Amino acid sequence: MIEISRARRVIVATLGLLVFASCSAKDKTAVILDMIKKGAESAERHHVGDLTAPASDDFVALPGRYDVRTVKGILFRAFKYYGNFNILYPRPLVNLDEKSVNATATVYFVIVRKGHVFPGIQELYDDPQQWVEAVGEKADLYQLKLRFFEKNSDWRVKSAHLKPFTGFGF
């Protein structure tokens, strides 16, 4: 009886390792891209709690070194002030570390009044540089750099650094 129980644990552990090993960097990148998409949707709906839910316990927003509690207050006031808006952005740039347990993502975006359209930018979604060049001529762009880490198959945001985008050059 003891041997069967031990065998079951070994089988379950082996299956767990196979599932974990089969989760490729591409899959992890897709998870992070989905988190960013859901974050933008939460911001557009003014859902501060959903937007900050993936933040780690030691999350910090830069510049200013704000914790998640302070960020919630800032977002609440900003959403109330700006009203309805859309966030437009190209495919975020995601980089995983060698072990695929830490990642960075860079999101270039613009905030526009709800319903405002930039003709032709949807076609540029997969070309962030072209997207930035097209939109940057007509609007003020921002750059958001996010740092992620994975713990127990759950991705968390460790930091967010927001700044005006000044270009790809030096």
N, C-alpha and C. Protein backbone atom coordinates (compact mmCIF):
# COMPACT_ATOMS: atom_id res chain seq x y z
N MET A 1 0.82 -1.19 0.00
CA MET A 1 0.00 0.00 0.00
C MET A 1 0.87 1.25 0.00
N ILE A 2 1.93 1.26 0.80
CA ILE A 2 2.82 2.41 0.87
C ILE A 2 3.53 2.61 -0.46
N GLU A 3 3.93 1.51 -1.11
CA GLU A 3 4.62 1.61 -2.39
C GLU A 3 3.72 2.21 -3.46
N ILE A 4 2.44 1.88 -3.47
CA ILE A 4 1.50 2.44 -4.44
C ILE A 4 1.36 3.94 -4.22
N SER A 5 1.25 4.36 -2.99
CA SER A 5 1.14 5.78 -2.68
C SER A 5 2.38 6.54 -3.14
N ARG A 6 3.55 5.97 -2.88
CA ARG A 6 4.81 6.59 -3.30
C ARG A 6 4.87 6.64 -4.83
N ALA A 7 4.45 5.58 -5.48
CA ALA A 7 4.46 5.54 -6.94
C ALA A 7 3.53 6.61 -7.51
N ARG A 8 2.38 6.79 -6.91
CA ARG A 8 1.46 7.83 -7.37
C ARG A 8 2.08 9.22 -7.25
N ARG A 9 2.74 9.45 -6.12
CA ARG A 9 3.39 10.76 -5.93
C ARG A 9 4.46 10.99 -6.99
N VAL A 10 5.23 9.95 -7.29
CA VAL A 10 6.28 10.08 -8.30
C VAL A 10 5.66 10.36 -9.67
N ILE A 11 4.58 9.66 -9.99
CA ILE A 11 3.92 9.87 -11.28
C ILE A 11 3.36 11.29 -11.35
N VAL A 12 2.68 11.72 -10.31
CA VAL A 12 2.12 13.08 -10.29
C VAL A 12 3.23 14.12 -10.40
N ALA A 13 4.31 13.92 -9.67
CA ALA A 13 5.44 14.86 -9.73
C ALA A 13 6.05 14.89 -11.12
N THR A 14 6.19 13.71 -11.73
CA THR A 14 6.76 13.64 -13.08
C THR A 14 5.86 14.34 -14.08
N LEU A 15 4.55 14.10 -13.99
CA LEU A 15 3.62 14.78 -14.88
C LEU A 15 3.68 16.29 -14.69
N GLY A 16 3.78 16.71 -13.44
CA GLY A 16 3.90 18.15 -13.16
C GLY A 16 5.14 18.75 -13.79
N LEU A 17 6.24 18.04 -13.70
CA LEU A 17 7.48 18.53 -14.32
C LEU A 17 7.36 18.59 -15.83
N LEU A 18 6.70 17.59 -16.43
CA LEU A 18 6.51 17.60 -17.88
C LEU A 18 5.66 18.79 -18.32
N VAL A 19 4.60 19.05 -17.58
CA VAL A 19 3.75 20.20 -17.90
C VAL A 19 4.55 21.49 -17.76
N PHE A 20 5.31 21.60 -16.68
CA PHE A 20 6.12 22.80 -16.46
C PHE A 20 7.16 22.95 -17.56
N ALA A 21 7.82 21.86 -17.92
CA ALA A 21 8.86 21.92 -18.94
C ALA A 21 8.28 22.25 -20.31
N SER A 22 7.04 21.84 -20.55
CA SER A 22 6.44 22.10 -21.84
C SER A 22 5.99 23.55 -21.99
N CYS A 23 5.95 24.28 -20.90
CA CYS A 23 5.58 25.70 -20.95
C CYS A 23 6.79 26.47 -21.47
N SER A 24 6.79 26.73 -22.76
CA SER A 24 7.95 27.34 -23.40
C SER A 24 8.00 28.84 -23.14
N ALA A 25 9.12 29.42 -23.53
CA ALA A 25 9.27 30.87 -23.41
C ALA A 25 8.19 31.57 -24.23
N LYS A 26 7.81 30.98 -25.36
CA LYS A 26 6.77 31.57 -26.20
C LYS A 26 5.44 31.63 -25.43
N ASP A 27 5.13 30.56 -24.70
CA ASP A 27 3.91 30.54 -23.89
C ASP A 27 3.96 31.60 -22.80
N LYS A 28 5.11 31.74 -22.16
CA LYS A 28 5.25 32.73 -21.09
C LYS A 28 5.14 34.14 -21.65
N THR A 29 5.69 34.36 -22.83
CA THR A 29 5.55 35.67 -23.48
C THR A 29 4.08 35.95 -23.76
N ALA A 30 3.35 34.95 -24.22
CA ALA A 30 1.92 35.12 -24.49
C ALA A 30 1.16 35.48 -23.22
N VAL A 31 1.52 34.88 -22.10
CA VAL A 31 0.87 35.19 -20.82
C VAL A 31 1.12 36.66 -20.46
N ILE A 32 2.35 37.12 -20.61
CA ILE A 32 2.68 38.51 -20.29
C ILE A 32 1.95 39.47 -21.22
N LEU A 33 1.91 39.15 -22.52
CA LEU A 33 1.18 40.00 -23.47
C LEU A 33 -0.30 40.07 -23.09
N ASP A 34 -0.86 38.96 -22.66
CA ASP A 34 -2.26 38.95 -22.24
C ASP A 34 -2.47 39.80 -20.99
N MET A 35 -1.52 39.75 -20.06
CA MET A 35 -1.61 40.59 -18.86
C MET A 35 -1.62 42.07 -19.23
N ILE A 36 -0.78 42.44 -20.19
CA ILE A 36 -0.72 43.84 -20.63
C ILE A 36 -2.03 44.24 -21.29
N LYS A 37 -2.57 43.37 -22.12
CA LYS A 37 -3.85 43.65 -22.78
C LYS A 37 -4.95 43.85 -21.75
N LYS A 38 -5.01 42.95 -20.76
CA LYS A 38 -6.03 43.07 -19.72
C LYS A 38 -5.82 44.33 -18.88
N GLY A 39 -4.57 44.72 -18.66
CA GLY A 39 -4.28 45.94 -17.93
C GLY A 39 -4.79 47.17 -18.67
N ALA A 40 -4.57 47.21 -19.98
CA ALA A 40 -5.07 48.34 -20.78
C ALA A 40 -6.60 48.39 -20.75
N GLU A 41 -7.22 47.21 -20.87
CA GLU A 41 -8.69 47.16 -20.81
C GLU A 41 -9.21 47.61 -19.45
N SER A 42 -8.53 47.21 -18.39
CA SER A 42 -8.93 47.64 -17.04
C SER A 42 -8.80 49.14 -16.88
N ALA A 43 -7.74 49.71 -17.42
CA ALA A 43 -7.55 51.16 -17.35
C ALA A 43 -8.66 51.88 -18.11
N GLU A 44 -9.00 51.39 -19.29
CA GLU A 44 -10.06 52.03 -20.08
C GLU A 44 -11.41 51.96 -19.36
N ARG A 45 -11.63 50.92 -18.58
CA ARG A 45 -12.88 50.77 -17.82
C ARG A 45 -12.80 51.42 -16.44
N HIS A 46 -11.64 52.00 -16.12
CA HIS A 46 -11.39 52.65 -14.83
C HIS A 46 -11.45 51.65 -13.67
N HIS A 47 -11.07 50.42 -13.90
CA HIS A 47 -11.06 49.39 -12.86
C HIS A 47 -9.68 49.34 -12.21
N VAL A 48 -9.49 50.20 -11.25
CA VAL A 48 -8.19 50.35 -10.58
C VAL A 48 -7.76 49.05 -9.91
N GLY A 49 -8.68 48.37 -9.25
CA GLY A 49 -8.35 47.12 -8.57
C GLY A 49 -7.84 46.05 -9.52
N ASP A 50 -8.52 45.90 -10.66
CA ASP A 50 -8.08 44.91 -11.65
C ASP A 50 -6.74 45.29 -12.25
N LEU A 51 -6.54 46.58 -12.46
CA LEU A 51 -5.29 47.06 -13.05
C LEU A 51 -4.10 46.79 -12.13
N THR A 52 -4.29 46.94 -10.84
CA THR A 52 -3.19 46.77 -9.90
C THR A 52 -3.11 45.37 -9.29
N ALA A 53 -4.06 44.50 -9.61
CA ALA A 53 -4.08 43.15 -9.03
C ALA A 53 -2.79 42.36 -9.26
N PRO A 54 -2.14 42.45 -10.43
CA PRO A 54 -0.91 41.67 -10.63
C PRO A 54 0.33 42.24 -9.94
N ALA A 55 0.19 43.34 -9.24
CA ALA A 55 1.35 43.95 -8.58
C ALA A 55 1.84 43.07 -7.43
N SER A 56 3.16 42.97 -7.31
CA SER A 56 3.76 42.20 -6.21
C SER A 56 3.63 42.97 -4.91
N ASP A 57 3.90 42.31 -3.81
CA ASP A 57 3.84 42.96 -2.50
C ASP A 57 4.82 44.12 -2.38
N ASP A 58 5.95 44.00 -3.07
CA ASP A 58 6.97 45.06 -3.01
C ASP A 58 7.01 45.90 -4.29
N PHE A 59 5.87 45.97 -4.98
CA PHE A 59 5.75 46.74 -6.22
C PHE A 59 6.18 48.19 -6.01
N VAL A 60 6.82 48.75 -7.04
CA VAL A 60 7.19 50.16 -7.01
C VAL A 60 6.93 50.76 -8.39
N ALA A 61 6.33 51.95 -8.39
CA ALA A 61 6.09 52.70 -9.63
C ALA A 61 7.07 53.86 -9.67
N LEU A 62 7.67 54.04 -10.82
CA LEU A 62 8.66 55.10 -11.03
C LEU A 62 8.18 56.02 -12.14
N PRO A 63 8.62 57.25 -12.18
CA PRO A 63 9.48 57.89 -11.20
C PRO A 63 8.70 58.23 -9.93
N GLY A 64 9.40 58.34 -8.87
CA GLY A 64 8.80 58.71 -7.59
C GLY A 64 8.77 57.62 -6.55
N ARG A 65 8.98 56.39 -6.94
CA ARG A 65 8.99 55.25 -6.01
C ARG A 65 7.69 55.14 -5.21
N TYR A 66 6.57 55.00 -5.93
CA TYR A 66 5.26 54.86 -5.29
C TYR A 66 4.92 53.40 -5.10
N ASP A 67 4.31 53.07 -3.95
CA ASP A 67 3.85 51.71 -3.72
C ASP A 67 2.47 51.54 -4.36
N VAL A 68 1.96 50.32 -4.35
CA VAL A 68 0.70 50.04 -5.04
C VAL A 68 -0.47 50.81 -4.44
N ARG A 69 -0.47 51.00 -3.15
CA ARG A 69 -1.57 51.75 -2.50
C ARG A 69 -1.61 53.19 -3.00
N THR A 70 -0.45 53.81 -3.09
CA THR A 70 -0.38 55.19 -3.58
C THR A 70 -0.77 55.25 -5.05
N VAL A 71 -0.33 54.26 -5.83
CA VAL A 71 -0.66 54.21 -7.26
C VAL A 71 -2.17 54.11 -7.45
N LYS A 72 -2.84 53.33 -6.63
CA LYS A 72 -4.30 53.22 -6.73
C LYS A 72 -4.96 54.58 -6.57
N GLY A 73 -4.51 55.36 -5.61
CA GLY A 73 -5.07 56.70 -5.40
C GLY A 73 -4.81 57.62 -6.58
N ILE A 74 -3.60 57.57 -7.10
CA ILE A 74 -3.25 58.40 -8.26
C ILE A 74 -4.11 58.02 -9.46
N LEU A 75 -4.25 56.72 -9.72
CA LEU A 75 -5.06 56.26 -10.85
C LEU A 75 -6.52 56.65 -10.68
N PHE A 76 -7.06 56.51 -9.48
CA PHE A 76 -8.45 56.87 -9.24
C PHE A 76 -8.70 58.33 -9.59
N ARG A 77 -7.82 59.20 -9.11
CA ARG A 77 -7.98 60.64 -9.40
C ARG A 77 -7.77 60.94 -10.88
N ALA A 78 -6.80 60.30 -11.51
CA ALA A 78 -6.54 60.53 -12.93
C ALA A 78 -7.72 60.06 -13.78
N PHE A 79 -8.27 58.89 -13.48
CA PHE A 79 -9.39 58.38 -14.26
C PHE A 79 -10.60 59.30 -14.12
N LYS A 80 -10.82 59.80 -12.93
CA LYS A 80 -11.95 60.70 -12.70
C LYS A 80 -11.76 62.00 -13.49
N TYR A 81 -10.54 62.51 -13.50
CA TYR A 81 -10.24 63.76 -14.18
C TYR A 81 -10.35 63.61 -15.71
N TYR A 82 -9.78 62.54 -16.26
CA TYR A 82 -9.73 62.39 -17.72
C TYR A 82 -11.00 61.83 -18.32
N GLY A 83 -11.83 61.17 -17.56
CA GLY A 83 -13.07 60.63 -18.12
C GLY A 83 -12.81 59.43 -19.02
N ASN A 84 -13.65 59.27 -20.04
CA ASN A 84 -13.56 58.11 -20.92
C ASN A 84 -12.42 58.28 -21.93
N PHE A 85 -11.64 57.24 -22.09
CA PHE A 85 -10.50 57.28 -23.01
C PHE A 85 -10.20 55.87 -23.51
N ASN A 86 -9.40 55.82 -24.56
CA ASN A 86 -8.86 54.56 -25.07
C ASN A 86 -7.35 54.61 -24.99
N ILE A 87 -6.75 53.45 -24.83
CA ILE A 87 -5.30 53.32 -24.85
C ILE A 87 -4.94 52.57 -26.12
N LEU A 88 -4.13 53.20 -26.95
CA LEU A 88 -3.67 52.58 -28.19
C LEU A 88 -2.20 52.25 -28.04
N TYR A 89 -1.81 51.06 -28.50
CA TYR A 89 -0.42 50.65 -28.38
C TYR A 89 -0.10 49.56 -29.41
N PRO A 90 1.17 49.48 -29.82
CA PRO A 90 1.59 48.37 -30.69
C PRO A 90 1.93 47.16 -29.84
N ARG A 91 2.32 46.07 -30.48
CA ARG A 91 2.72 44.87 -29.76
C ARG A 91 3.83 45.22 -28.78
N PRO A 92 3.63 44.94 -27.49
CA PRO A 92 4.68 45.22 -26.50
C PRO A 92 5.92 44.36 -26.76
N LEU A 93 7.06 44.89 -26.39
CA LEU A 93 8.32 44.17 -26.54
C LEU A 93 8.60 43.44 -25.23
N VAL A 94 8.64 42.12 -25.28
CA VAL A 94 8.82 41.30 -24.08
C VAL A 94 10.14 40.54 -24.18
N ASN A 95 10.92 40.60 -23.11
CA ASN A 95 12.18 39.87 -23.03
C ASN A 95 12.19 39.03 -21.76
N LEU A 96 12.42 37.73 -21.93
CA LEU A 96 12.54 36.81 -20.79
C LEU A 96 14.01 36.58 -20.48
N ASP A 97 14.33 36.39 -19.21
CA ASP A 97 15.71 36.05 -18.86
C ASP A 97 16.00 34.60 -19.26
N GLU A 98 17.23 34.17 -19.07
CA GLU A 98 17.64 32.83 -19.49
C GLU A 98 16.81 31.72 -18.86
N LYS A 99 16.42 31.89 -17.62
CA LYS A 99 15.65 30.86 -16.92
C LYS A 99 14.14 31.03 -17.11
N SER A 100 13.74 32.08 -17.80
CA SER A 100 12.33 32.39 -18.06
C SER A 100 11.51 32.56 -16.79
N VAL A 101 12.13 33.12 -15.75
CA VAL A 101 11.39 33.39 -14.51
C VAL A 101 11.33 34.89 -14.22
N ASN A 102 12.05 35.69 -14.98
CA ASN A 102 11.99 37.15 -14.90
C ASN A 102 11.81 37.67 -16.32
N ALA A 103 11.11 38.77 -16.43
CA ALA A 103 10.87 39.33 -17.75
C ALA A 103 10.76 40.84 -17.65
N THR A 104 11.02 41.49 -18.77
CA THR A 104 10.75 42.92 -18.90
C THR A 104 9.85 43.10 -20.11
N ALA A 105 9.03 44.11 -20.05
CA ALA A 105 8.17 44.44 -21.18
C ALA A 105 8.18 45.95 -21.35
N THR A 106 8.28 46.37 -22.60
CA THR A 106 8.21 47.79 -22.92
C THR A 106 6.96 48.01 -23.75
N VAL A 107 6.14 48.94 -23.28
CA VAL A 107 4.88 49.26 -23.96
C VAL A 107 4.91 50.73 -24.35
N TYR A 108 4.82 51.00 -25.64
CA TYR A 108 4.67 52.37 -26.12
C TYR A 108 3.18 52.59 -26.31
N PHE A 109 2.66 53.71 -25.81
CA PHE A 109 1.22 53.91 -25.91
C PHE A 109 0.86 55.38 -25.97
N VAL A 110 -0.37 55.59 -26.37
CA VAL A 110 -0.96 56.93 -26.39
C VAL A 110 -2.36 56.80 -25.80
N ILE A 111 -2.77 57.82 -25.07
CA ILE A 111 -4.12 57.87 -24.51
C ILE A 111 -4.91 58.88 -25.33
N VAL A 112 -6.05 58.43 -25.85
CA VAL A 112 -6.88 59.30 -26.69
C VAL A 112 -8.31 59.29 -26.16
N ARG A 113 -9.06 60.32 -26.51
CA ARG A 113 -10.45 60.34 -26.07
C ARG A 113 -11.18 59.15 -26.70
N LYS A 114 -12.13 58.63 -25.99
CA LYS A 114 -12.85 57.43 -26.42
C LYS A 114 -13.41 57.64 -27.82
N GLY A 115 -13.16 56.67 -28.68
CA GLY A 115 -13.67 56.72 -30.04
C GLY A 115 -12.74 57.36 -31.05
N HIS A 116 -11.68 58.03 -30.59
CA HIS A 116 -10.75 58.65 -31.53
C HIS A 116 -9.99 57.56 -32.29
N VAL A 117 -9.81 57.78 -33.58
CA VAL A 117 -9.18 56.78 -34.43
C VAL A 117 -7.93 57.35 -35.09
N PHE A 118 -6.89 56.54 -35.14
CA PHE A 118 -5.70 56.85 -35.93
C PHE A 118 -5.73 55.90 -37.13
N PRO A 119 -6.10 56.40 -38.31
CA PRO A 119 -6.20 55.50 -39.47
C PRO A 119 -4.88 54.79 -39.75
N GLY A 120 -4.98 53.48 -39.99
CA GLY A 120 -3.83 52.69 -40.41
C GLY A 120 -2.95 52.13 -39.32
N ILE A 121 -3.18 52.48 -38.05
CA ILE A 121 -2.25 51.98 -37.04
C ILE A 121 -2.51 50.53 -36.65
N GLN A 122 -3.73 50.04 -36.85
CA GLN A 122 -3.99 48.63 -36.54
C GLN A 122 -3.09 47.72 -37.38
N GLU A 123 -2.85 48.11 -38.62
CA GLU A 123 -2.00 47.32 -39.51
C GLU A 123 -0.55 47.33 -39.05
N LEU A 124 -0.18 48.29 -38.22
CA LEU A 124 1.21 48.41 -37.75
C LEU A 124 1.41 47.78 -36.37
N TYR A 125 0.42 47.08 -35.85
CA TYR A 125 0.50 46.51 -34.50
C TYR A 125 1.77 45.68 -34.30
N ASP A 126 2.12 44.86 -35.27
CA ASP A 126 3.28 43.98 -35.13
C ASP A 126 4.61 44.64 -35.49
N ASP A 127 4.59 45.93 -35.78
CA ASP A 127 5.82 46.67 -36.07
C ASP A 127 5.87 47.90 -35.16
N PRO A 128 6.30 47.70 -33.90
CA PRO A 128 6.27 48.81 -32.94
C PRO A 128 7.00 50.07 -33.40
N GLN A 129 8.12 49.92 -34.09
CA GLN A 129 8.86 51.11 -34.51
C GLN A 129 8.05 51.92 -35.53
N GLN A 130 7.45 51.26 -36.51
CA GLN A 130 6.62 51.96 -37.49
C GLN A 130 5.40 52.58 -36.82
N TRP A 131 4.81 51.85 -35.87
CA TRP A 131 3.64 52.34 -35.15
C TRP A 131 3.99 53.63 -34.42
N VAL A 132 5.11 53.61 -33.71
CA VAL A 132 5.55 54.78 -32.94
C VAL A 132 5.80 55.96 -33.87
N GLU A 133 6.43 55.71 -35.01
CA GLU A 133 6.69 56.79 -35.96
C GLU A 133 5.39 57.38 -36.49
N ALA A 134 4.42 56.53 -36.81
CA ALA A 134 3.14 57.00 -37.35
C ALA A 134 2.34 57.79 -36.32
N VAL A 135 2.24 57.27 -35.12
CA VAL A 135 1.44 57.91 -34.08
C VAL A 135 2.17 59.10 -33.47
N GLY A 136 3.48 58.98 -33.35
CA GLY A 136 4.28 60.03 -32.71
C GLY A 136 4.22 61.37 -33.41
N GLU A 137 3.90 61.36 -34.69
CA GLU A 137 3.76 62.61 -35.43
C GLU A 137 2.50 63.37 -35.04
N LYS A 138 1.53 62.66 -34.44
CA LYS A 138 0.22 63.26 -34.17
C LYS A 138 -0.16 63.32 -32.70
N ALA A 139 0.62 62.67 -31.84
CA ALA A 139 0.22 62.60 -30.42
C ALA A 139 1.45 62.45 -29.53
N ASP A 140 1.25 62.73 -28.25
CA ASP A 140 2.31 62.53 -27.27
C ASP A 140 2.32 61.07 -26.83
N LEU A 141 3.46 60.43 -27.03
CA LEU A 141 3.60 59.02 -26.68
C LEU A 141 4.22 58.85 -25.31
N TYR A 142 3.91 57.72 -24.71
CA TYR A 142 4.51 57.35 -23.43
C TYR A 142 5.16 55.99 -23.56
N GLN A 143 6.12 55.76 -22.69
CA GLN A 143 6.80 54.47 -22.63
C GLN A 143 6.63 53.92 -21.22
N LEU A 144 6.14 52.71 -21.13
CA LEU A 144 5.96 52.03 -19.85
C LEU A 144 6.87 50.81 -19.85
N LYS A 145 7.80 50.77 -18.91
CA LYS A 145 8.68 49.61 -18.76
C LYS A 145 8.22 48.84 -17.52
N LEU A 146 7.89 47.59 -17.73
CA LEU A 146 7.41 46.73 -16.67
C LEU A 146 8.43 45.63 -16.38
N ARG A 147 8.62 45.33 -15.11
CA ARG A 147 9.47 44.20 -14.70
C ARG A 147 8.57 43.16 -14.05
N PHE A 148 8.67 41.94 -14.54
CA PHE A 148 7.85 40.83 -14.06
C PHE A 148 8.73 39.76 -13.42
N PHE A 149 8.12 38.96 -12.58
CA PHE A 149 8.76 37.73 -12.11
C PHE A 149 7.68 36.67 -11.98
N GLU A 150 8.11 35.43 -12.12
CA GLU A 150 7.18 34.31 -12.02
C GLU A 150 7.42 33.57 -10.71
N LYS A 151 6.34 33.32 -10.01
CA LYS A 151 6.42 32.56 -8.76
C LYS A 151 5.25 31.59 -8.74
N ASN A 152 5.55 30.31 -8.65
CA ASN A 152 4.52 29.27 -8.63
C ASN A 152 3.59 29.39 -9.84
N SER A 153 4.16 29.56 -11.01
CA SER A 153 3.42 29.68 -12.29
C SER A 153 2.52 30.91 -12.35
N ASP A 154 2.76 31.88 -11.51
CA ASP A 154 1.96 33.10 -11.48
C ASP A 154 2.89 34.28 -11.74
N TRP A 155 2.61 35.06 -12.77
CA TRP A 155 3.43 36.22 -13.10
C TRP A 155 2.95 37.43 -12.31
N ARG A 156 3.88 38.15 -11.72
CA ARG A 156 3.60 39.35 -10.93
C ARG A 156 4.41 40.51 -11.49
N VAL A 157 3.91 41.71 -11.31
CA VAL A 157 4.62 42.92 -11.75
C VAL A 157 5.39 43.47 -10.56
N LYS A 158 6.70 43.57 -10.72
CA LYS A 158 7.58 44.06 -9.65
C LYS A 158 7.71 45.58 -9.72
N SER A 159 7.79 46.12 -10.94
CA SER A 159 7.91 47.57 -11.06
C SER A 159 7.34 48.05 -12.38
N ALA A 160 6.97 49.32 -12.38
CA ALA A 160 6.47 49.99 -13.58
C ALA A 160 7.13 51.36 -13.64
N HIS A 161 7.75 51.64 -14.78
CA HIS A 161 8.43 52.93 -14.95
C HIS A 161 7.79 53.63 -16.15
N LEU A 162 7.09 54.71 -15.87
CA LEU A 162 6.39 55.47 -16.90
C LEU A 162 7.15 56.74 -17.20
N LYS A 163 7.32 57.02 -18.50
CA LYS A 163 7.95 58.28 -18.88
C LYS A 163 7.50 58.66 -20.28
N PRO A 164 7.59 59.95 -20.60
CA PRO A 164 7.29 60.37 -21.97
C PRO A 164 8.28 59.70 -22.91
N PHE A 165 7.81 59.28 -24.08
CA PHE A 165 8.70 58.64 -25.04
C PHE A 165 9.38 59.72 -25.86
N THR A 166 10.69 59.65 -25.92
CA THR A 166 11.47 60.67 -26.63
C THR A 166 12.15 60.13 -27.88
N GLY A 167 11.91 58.89 -28.22
CA GLY A 167 12.47 58.34 -29.45
C GLY A 167 13.36 57.14 -29.21
N PHE A 168 13.68 56.46 -30.31
CA PHE A 168 14.52 55.27 -30.25
C PHE A 168 16.00 55.62 -30.28
N GLY A 169 16.33 56.88 -30.58
CA GLY A 169 17.74 57.28 -30.72
C GLY A 169 18.46 57.39 -29.40
N PHE A 170 19.59 58.06 -29.46
CA PHE A 170 20.47 58.18 -28.29
C PHE A 170 20.00 59.25 -27.35
